[in-house]
Amino acid sequence: PHVAARIQDPARADAFDGRGFAVVSPTRMAID
């Protein structure tokens, strides 16, 4: 029911966002 993936590459994180699981990007969070 609840799935998350840690993704370092912000571009890859954006590409997979909304695909049925949460994407957490520490790199994107640091940039933001």
PDB file of all heavy atoms in Angstrom:
ATOM      1  N   PRO A   1       0.787  -1.244   0.000  1.00  0.00           N
ATOM      2  CA  PRO A   1       0.000   0.000   0.000  1.00  0.00           C
ATOM      3  C   PRO A   1       0.819   1.295   0.000  1.00  0.00           C
ATOM      4  O   PRO A   1       0.414   2.286  -0.582  1.00  0.00           O
ATOM      5  CB  PRO A   1      -0.834  -0.088   1.282  1.00  0.00           C
ATOM      6  CG  PRO A   1      -0.774  -1.500   1.724  1.00  0.00           C
ATOM      7  CD  PRO A   1       0.461  -2.106   1.127  1.00  0.00           C
ATOM      8  N   HIS A   2       1.959   1.277   0.668  1.00  0.00           N
ATOM      9  CA  HIS A   2       2.772   2.491   0.786  1.00  0.00           C
ATOM     10  C   HIS A   2       4.210   2.145   0.414  1.00  0.00           C
ATOM     11  O   HIS A   2       4.875   1.375   1.110  1.00  0.00           O
ATOM     12  CB  HIS A   2       2.714   3.048   2.210  1.00  0.00           C
ATOM     13  CG  HIS A   2       1.325   3.282   2.689  1.00  0.00           C
ATOM     14  ND1 HIS A   2       0.570   4.350   2.284  1.00  0.00           N
ATOM     15  CD2 HIS A   2       0.537   2.547   3.502  1.00  0.00           C
ATOM     16  CE1 HIS A   2      -0.619   4.277   2.846  1.00  0.00           C
ATOM     17  NE2 HIS A   2      -0.678   3.187   3.584  1.00  0.00           N
ATOM     18  N   VAL A   3       4.684   2.727  -0.689  1.00  0.00           N
ATOM     19  CA  VAL A   3       6.022   2.432  -1.200  1.00  0.00           C
ATOM     20  C   VAL A   3       6.741   3.753  -1.457  1.00  0.00           C
ATOM     21  O   VAL A   3       6.145   4.696  -1.996  1.00  0.00           O
ATOM     22  CB  VAL A   3       5.956   1.615  -2.516  1.00  0.00           C
ATOM     23  CG1 VAL A   3       7.353   1.389  -3.079  1.00  0.00           C
ATOM     24  CG2 VAL A   3       5.241   0.293  -2.282  1.00  0.00           C
ATOM     25  N   ALA A   4       8.008   3.795  -1.065  1.00  0.00           N
ATOM     26  CA  ALA A   4       8.822   4.983  -1.313  1.00  0.00           C
ATOM     27  C   ALA A   4      10.204   4.559  -1.795  1.00  0.00           C
ATOM     28  O   ALA A   4      10.729   3.522  -1.378  1.00  0.00           O
ATOM     29  CB  ALA A   4       8.952   5.831  -0.056  1.00  0.00           C
ATOM     30  N   ALA A   5      10.777   5.385  -2.670  1.00  0.00           N
ATOM     31  CA  ALA A   5      12.127   5.156  -3.176  1.00  0.00           C
ATOM     32  C   ALA A   5      12.962   6.409  -2.963  1.00  0.00           C
ATOM     33  O   ALA A   5      12.519   7.515  -3.283  1.00  0.00           O
ATOM     34  CB  ALA A   5      12.090   4.807  -4.663  1.00  0.00           C
ATOM     35  N   ARG A   6      14.159   6.219  -2.419  1.00  0.00           N
ATOM     36  CA  ARG A   6      15.108   7.325  -2.289  1.00  0.00           C
ATOM     37  C   ARG A   6      15.847   7.438  -3.616  1.00  0.00           C
ATOM     38  O   ARG A   6      16.485   6.488  -4.065  1.00  0.00           O
ATOM     39  CB  ARG A   6      16.096   7.055  -1.157  1.00  0.00           C
ATOM     40  CG  ARG A   6      17.086   8.212  -0.989  1.00  0.00           C
ATOM     41  CD  ARG A   6      18.055   7.912   0.089  1.00  0.00           C
ATOM     42  NE  ARG A   6      19.115   7.068  -0.460  1.00  0.00           N
ATOM     43  CZ  ARG A   6      20.260   6.843   0.161  1.00  0.00           C
ATOM     44  NH1 ARG A   6      20.487   7.323   1.345  1.00  0.00           N
ATOM     45  NH2 ARG A   6      21.173   6.091  -0.411  1.00  0.00           N
ATOM     46  N   ILE A   7      15.752   8.609  -4.241  1.00  0.00           N
ATOM     47  CA  ILE A   7      16.366   8.846  -5.547  1.00  0.00           C
ATOM     48  C   ILE A   7      17.253  10.090  -5.447  1.00  0.00           C
ATOM     49  O   ILE A   7      16.761  11.191  -5.197  1.00  0.00           O
ATOM     50  CB  ILE A   7      15.286   9.048  -6.648  1.00  0.00           C
ATOM     51  CG1 ILE A   7      14.288   7.889  -6.655  1.00  0.00           C
ATOM     52  CG2 ILE A   7      15.944   9.238  -8.002  1.00  0.00           C
ATOM     53  CD1 ILE A   7      14.898   6.530  -6.893  1.00  0.00           C
ATOM     54  N   GLN A   8      18.551   9.898  -5.674  1.00  0.00           N
ATOM     55  CA  GLN A   8      19.495  11.018  -5.553  1.00  0.00           C
ATOM     56  C   GLN A   8      19.397  11.993  -6.725  1.00  0.00           C
ATOM     57  O   GLN A   8      19.459  13.200  -6.532  1.00  0.00           O
ATOM     58  CB  GLN A   8      20.932  10.478  -5.449  1.00  0.00           C
ATOM     59  CG  GLN A   8      21.197   9.677  -4.199  1.00  0.00           C
ATOM     60  CD  GLN A   8      21.178  10.500  -2.928  1.00  0.00           C
ATOM     61  OE1 GLN A   8      21.131  11.723  -2.929  1.00  0.00           O
ATOM     62  NE2 GLN A   8      21.190   9.813  -1.811  1.00  0.00           N
ATOM     63  N   ASP A   9      19.264  11.482  -7.925  1.00  0.00           N
ATOM     64  CA  ASP A   9      19.264  12.321  -9.131  1.00  0.00           C
ATOM     65  C   ASP A   9      17.926  13.053  -9.255  1.00  0.00           C
ATOM     66  O   ASP A   9      16.895  12.423  -9.482  1.00  0.00           O
ATOM     67  CB  ASP A   9      19.498  11.431 -10.352  1.00  0.00           C
ATOM     68  CG  ASP A   9      19.495  12.186 -11.666  1.00  0.00           C
ATOM     69  OD1 ASP A   9      19.266  13.416 -11.664  1.00  0.00           O
ATOM     70  OD2 ASP A   9      19.707  11.538 -12.703  1.00  0.00           O
ATOM     71  N   PRO A  10      17.926  14.389  -9.120  1.00  0.00           N
ATOM     72  CA  PRO A  10      16.668  15.132  -9.177  1.00  0.00           C
ATOM     73  C   PRO A  10      15.904  14.940 -10.495  1.00  0.00           C
ATOM     74  O   PRO A  10      14.669  14.868 -10.487  1.00  0.00           O
ATOM     75  CB  PRO A  10      17.086  16.597  -9.008  1.00  0.00           C
ATOM     76  CG  PRO A  10      18.433  16.560  -8.398  1.00  0.00           C
ATOM     77  CD  PRO A  10      19.059  15.274  -8.858  1.00  0.00           C
ATOM     78  N   ALA A  11      16.602  14.841 -11.611  1.00  0.00           N
ATOM     79  CA  ALA A  11      15.923  14.646 -12.900  1.00  0.00           C
ATOM     80  C   ALA A  11      15.230  13.287 -12.929  1.00  0.00           C
ATOM     81  O   ALA A  11      14.086  13.166 -13.389  1.00  0.00           O
ATOM     82  CB  ALA A  11      16.919  14.760 -14.049  1.00  0.00           C
ATOM     83  N   ARG A  12      15.893  12.280 -12.438  1.00  0.00           N
ATOM     84  CA  ARG A  12      15.293  10.947 -12.389  1.00  0.00           C
ATOM     85  C   ARG A  12      14.122  10.934 -11.402  1.00  0.00           C
ATOM     86  O   ARG A  12      13.094  10.307 -11.650  1.00  0.00           O
ATOM     87  CB  ARG A  12      16.354   9.916 -11.990  1.00  0.00           C
ATOM     88  CG  ARG A  12      15.853   8.495 -12.147  1.00  0.00           C
ATOM     89  CD  ARG A  12      16.945   7.480 -11.890  1.00  0.00           C
ATOM     90  NE  ARG A  12      17.919   7.512 -12.976  1.00  0.00           N
ATOM     91  CZ  ARG A  12      19.224   7.375 -12.820  1.00  0.00           C
ATOM     92  NH1 ARG A  12      19.737   7.171 -11.642  1.00  0.00           N
ATOM     93  NH2 ARG A  12      20.021   7.408 -13.860  1.00  0.00           N
ATOM     94  N   ALA A  13      14.284  11.635 -10.298  1.00  0.00           N
ATOM     95  CA  ALA A  13      13.192  11.714  -9.315  1.00  0.00           C
ATOM     96  C   ALA A  13      11.961  12.354  -9.951  1.00  0.00           C
ATOM     97  O   ALA A  13      10.835  11.869  -9.782  1.00  0.00           O
ATOM     98  CB  ALA A  13      13.640  12.510  -8.089  1.00  0.00           C
ATOM     99  N   ASP A  14      12.171  13.422 -10.705  1.00  0.00           N
ATOM    100  CA  ASP A  14      11.043  14.083 -11.386  1.00  0.00           C
ATOM    101  C   ASP A  14      10.397  13.142 -12.405  1.00  0.00           C
ATOM    102  O   ASP A  14       9.174  13.091 -12.528  1.00  0.00           O
ATOM    103  CB  ASP A  14      11.515  15.361 -12.089  1.00  0.00           C
ATOM    104  CG  ASP A  14      11.883  16.465 -11.118  1.00  0.00           C
ATOM    105  OD1 ASP A  14      11.464  16.404  -9.939  1.00  0.00           O
ATOM    106  OD2 ASP A  14      12.601  17.395 -11.537  1.00  0.00           O
ATOM    107  N   ALA A  15      11.212  12.390 -13.116  1.00  0.00           N
ATOM    108  CA  ALA A  15      10.692  11.497 -14.154  1.00  0.00           C
ATOM    109  C   ALA A  15       9.831  10.382 -13.578  1.00  0.00           C
ATOM    110  O   ALA A  15       8.903   9.903 -14.239  1.00  0.00           O
ATOM    111  CB  ALA A  15      11.848  10.906 -14.960  1.00  0.00           C
ATOM    112  N   PHE A  16      10.120   9.956 -12.352  1.00  0.00           N
ATOM    113  CA  PHE A  16       9.388   8.833 -11.771  1.00  0.00           C
ATOM    114  C   PHE A  16       8.340   9.266 -10.743  1.00  0.00           C
ATOM    115  O   PHE A  16       7.636   8.418 -10.197  1.00  0.00           O
ATOM    116  CB  PHE A  16      10.362   7.826 -11.158  1.00  0.00           C
ATOM    117  CG  PHE A  16      11.000   6.956 -12.197  1.00  0.00           C
ATOM    118  CD1 PHE A  16      12.155   7.359 -12.843  1.00  0.00           C
ATOM    119  CD2 PHE A  16      10.424   5.757 -12.560  1.00  0.00           C
ATOM    120  CE1 PHE A  16      12.733   6.577 -13.823  1.00  0.00           C
ATOM    121  CE2 PHE A  16      10.990   4.959 -13.540  1.00  0.00           C
ATOM    122  CZ  PHE A  16      12.152   5.374 -14.172  1.00  0.00           C
ATOM    123  N   ASP A  17       8.239  10.551 -10.494  1.00  0.00           N
ATOM    124  CA  ASP A  17       7.224  11.044  -9.568  1.00  0.00           C
ATOM    125  C   ASP A  17       5.840  10.733 -10.130  1.00  0.00           C
ATOM    126  O   ASP A  17       5.596  10.873 -11.328  1.00  0.00           O
ATOM    127  CB  ASP A  17       7.400  12.554  -9.370  1.00  0.00           C
ATOM    128  CG  ASP A  17       6.884  13.020  -8.033  1.00  0.00           C
ATOM    129  OD1 ASP A  17       6.581  12.179  -7.176  1.00  0.00           O
ATOM    130  OD2 ASP A  17       6.792  14.243  -7.853  1.00  0.00           O
ATOM    131  N   GLY A  18       4.929  10.254  -9.301  1.00  0.00           N
ATOM    132  CA  GLY A  18       3.573   9.967  -9.743  1.00  0.00           C
ATOM    133  C   GLY A  18       3.405   8.629 -10.437  1.00  0.00           C
ATOM    134  O   GLY A  18       2.445   8.422 -11.171  1.00  0.00           O
ATOM    135  N   ARG A  19       4.306   7.697 -10.199  1.00  0.00           N
ATOM    136  CA  ARG A  19       4.236   6.383 -10.858  1.00  0.00           C
ATOM    137  C   ARG A  19       3.740   5.283  -9.921  1.00  0.00           C
ATOM    138  O   ARG A  19       4.060   4.125 -10.091  1.00  0.00           O
ATOM    139  CB  ARG A  19       5.609   5.988 -11.391  1.00  0.00           C
ATOM    140  CG  ARG A  19       6.128   6.930 -12.454  1.00  0.00           C
ATOM    141  CD  ARG A  19       6.153   6.251 -13.799  1.00  0.00           C
ATOM    142  NE  ARG A  19       6.705   7.125 -14.806  1.00  0.00           N
ATOM    143  CZ  ARG A  19       7.674   6.777 -15.622  1.00  0.00           C
ATOM    144  NH1 ARG A  19       8.206   5.590 -15.547  1.00  0.00           N
ATOM    145  NH2 ARG A  19       8.102   7.626 -16.524  1.00  0.00           N
ATOM    146  N   GLY A  20       2.998   5.659  -8.898  1.00  0.00           N
ATOM    147  CA  GLY A  20       2.425   4.662  -7.996  1.00  0.00           C
ATOM    148  C   GLY A  20       3.211   4.453  -6.718  1.00  0.00           C
ATOM    149  O   GLY A  20       2.879   3.573  -5.929  1.00  0.00           O
ATOM    150  N   PHE A  21       4.252   5.251  -6.515  1.00  0.00           N
ATOM    151  CA  PHE A  21       5.020   5.195  -5.272  1.00  0.00           C
ATOM    152  C   PHE A  21       5.630   6.569  -5.026  1.00  0.00           C
ATOM    153  O   PHE A  21       5.771   7.378  -5.936  1.00  0.00           O
ATOM    154  CB  PHE A  21       6.104   4.109  -5.316  1.00  0.00           C
ATOM    155  CG  PHE A  21       7.046   4.232  -6.475  1.00  0.00           C
ATOM    156  CD1 PHE A  21       8.217   4.962  -6.377  1.00  0.00           C
ATOM    157  CD2 PHE A  21       6.766   3.601  -7.680  1.00  0.00           C
ATOM    158  CE1 PHE A  21       9.083   5.065  -7.449  1.00  0.00           C
ATOM    159  CE2 PHE A  21       7.630   3.691  -8.758  1.00  0.00           C
ATOM    160  CZ  PHE A  21       8.790   4.428  -8.640  1.00  0.00           C
ATOM    161  N   ALA A  22       5.952   6.824  -3.760  1.00  0.00           N
ATOM    162  CA  ALA A  22       6.546   8.109  -3.402  1.00  0.00           C
ATOM    163  C   ALA A  22       8.018   8.132  -3.809  1.00  0.00           C
ATOM    164  O   ALA A  22       8.703   7.118  -3.732  1.00  0.00           O
ATOM    165  CB  ALA A  22       6.431   8.337  -1.898  1.00  0.00           C
ATOM    166  N   VAL A  23       8.454   9.284  -4.262  1.00  0.00           N
ATOM    167  CA  VAL A  23       9.856   9.498  -4.603  1.00  0.00           C
ATOM    168  C   VAL A  23      10.396  10.555  -3.653  1.00  0.00           C
ATOM    169  O   VAL A  23       9.841  11.654  -3.562  1.00  0.00           O
ATOM    170  CB  VAL A  23      10.002   9.968  -6.072  1.00  0.00           C
ATOM    171  CG1 VAL A  23      11.433  10.370  -6.359  1.00  0.00           C
ATOM    172  CG2 VAL A  23       9.531   8.884  -7.023  1.00  0.00           C
ATOM    173  N   VAL A  24      11.443  10.196  -2.941  1.00  0.00           N
ATOM    174  CA  VAL A  24      12.083  11.135  -2.023  1.00  0.00           C
ATOM    175  C   VAL A  24      13.486  11.378  -2.544  1.00  0.00           C
ATOM    176  O   VAL A  24      14.272  10.442  -2.681  1.00  0.00           O
ATOM    177  CB  VAL A  24      12.115  10.572  -0.585  1.00  0.00           C
ATOM    178  CG1 VAL A  24      12.850  11.523   0.340  1.00  0.00           C
ATOM    179  CG2 VAL A  24      10.702  10.307  -0.088  1.00  0.00           C
ATOM    180  N   SER A  25      13.778  12.640  -2.858  1.00  0.00           N
ATOM    181  CA  SER A  25      15.081  12.998  -3.406  1.00  0.00           C
ATOM    182  C   SER A  25      15.812  13.924  -2.435  1.00  0.00           C
ATOM    183  O   SER A  25      15.534  15.126  -2.390  1.00  0.00           O
ATOM    184  CB  SER A  25      14.921  13.696  -4.759  1.00  0.00           C
ATOM    185  OG  SER A  25      16.194  14.140  -5.212  1.00  0.00           O
ATOM    186  N   PRO A  26      16.749  13.377  -1.661  1.00  0.00           N
ATOM    187  CA  PRO A  26      17.519  14.229  -0.752  1.00  0.00           C
ATOM    188  C   PRO A  26      18.250  15.348  -1.485  1.00  0.00           C
ATOM    189  O   PRO A  26      18.365  16.458  -0.968  1.00  0.00           O
ATOM    190  CB  PRO A  26      18.520  13.262  -0.106  1.00  0.00           C
ATOM    191  CG  PRO A  26      17.926  11.914  -0.292  1.00  0.00           C
ATOM    192  CD  PRO A  26      17.127  11.979  -1.557  1.00  0.00           C
ATOM    193  N   THR A  27      18.725  15.082  -2.693  1.00  0.00           N
ATOM    194  CA  THR A  27      19.431  16.104  -3.461  1.00  0.00           C
ATOM    195  C   THR A  27      18.475  17.233  -3.828  1.00  0.00           C
ATOM    196  O   THR A  27      18.798  18.414  -3.664  1.00  0.00           O
ATOM    197  CB  THR A  27      20.057  15.487  -4.726  1.00  0.00           C
ATOM    198  OG1 THR A  27      20.883  14.398  -4.341  1.00  0.00           O
ATOM    199  CG2 THR A  27      20.861  16.515  -5.497  1.00  0.00           C
ATOM    200  N   ARG A  28      17.285  16.871  -4.304  1.00  0.00           N
ATOM    201  CA  ARG A  28      16.295  17.897  -4.659  1.00  0.00           C
ATOM    202  C   ARG A  28      15.889  18.691  -3.419  1.00  0.00           C
ATOM    203  O   ARG A  28      15.740  19.908  -3.481  1.00  0.00           O
ATOM    204  CB  ARG A  28      15.079  17.248  -5.311  1.00  0.00           C
ATOM    205  CG  ARG A  28      14.037  18.279  -5.754  1.00  0.00           C
ATOM    206  CD  ARG A  28      12.917  17.708  -6.572  1.00  0.00           C
ATOM    207  NE  ARG A  28      12.296  16.558  -5.933  1.00  0.00           N
ATOM    208  CZ  ARG A  28      11.471  15.728  -6.535  1.00  0.00           C
ATOM    209  NH1 ARG A  28      11.170  15.887  -7.801  1.00  0.00           N
ATOM    210  NH2 ARG A  28      10.947  14.719  -5.892  1.00  0.00           N
ATOM    211  N   MET A  29      15.709  18.007  -2.285  1.00  0.00           N
ATOM    212  CA  MET A  29      15.333  18.705  -1.053  1.00  0.00           C
ATOM    213  C   MET A  29      16.442  19.678  -0.634  1.00  0.00           C
ATOM    214  O   MET A  29      16.149  20.791  -0.186  1.00  0.00           O
ATOM    215  CB  MET A  29      15.010  17.712   0.058  1.00  0.00           C
ATOM    216  CG  MET A  29      13.731  16.947  -0.219  1.00  0.00           C
ATOM    217  SD  MET A  29      13.110  15.895   1.119  1.00  0.00           S
ATOM    218  CE  MET A  29      14.529  15.004   1.654  1.00  0.00           C
ATOM    219  N   ALA A  30      17.704  19.285  -0.785  1.00  0.00           N
ATOM    220  CA  ALA A  30      18.812  20.172  -0.440  1.00  0.00           C
ATOM    221  C   ALA A  30      18.848  21.381  -1.371  1.00  0.00           C
ATOM    222  O   ALA A  30      19.024  22.521  -0.913  1.00  0.00           O
ATOM    223  CB  ALA A  30      20.139  19.408  -0.505  1.00  0.00           C
ATOM    224  N   ILE A  31      18.677  21.151  -2.668  1.00  0.00           N
ATOM    225  CA  ILE A  31      18.670  22.263  -3.631  1.00  0.00           C
ATOM    226  C   ILE A  31      17.542  23.230  -3.306  1.00  0.00           C
ATOM    227  O   ILE A  31      17.750  24.447  -3.224  1.00  0.00           O
ATOM    228  CB  ILE A  31      18.541  21.726  -5.076  1.00  0.00           C
ATOM    229  CG1 ILE A  31      19.808  20.959  -5.476  1.00  0.00           C
ATOM    230  CG2 ILE A  31      18.255  22.866  -6.058  1.00  0.00           C
ATOM    231  CD1 ILE A  31      19.648  20.123  -6.740  1.00  0.00           C
ATOM    232  N   ASP A  32      16.334  22.697  -3.095  1.00  0.00           N
ATOM    233  CA  ASP A  32      15.181  23.548  -2.790  1.00  0.00           C
ATOM    234  C   ASP A  32      15.394  24.316  -1.490  1.00  0.00           C
ATOM    235  O   ASP A  32      15.143  25.522  -1.420  1.00  0.00           O
ATOM    236  CB  ASP A  32      13.892  22.714  -2.694  1.00  0.00           C
ATOM    237  CG  ASP A  32      13.460  22.147  -4.029  1.00  0.00           C
ATOM    238  OD1 ASP A  32      13.985  22.576  -5.078  1.00  0.00           O
ATOM    239  OD2 ASP A  32      12.584  21.246  -4.018  1.00  0.00           O
TER     240      ASP A  32
END
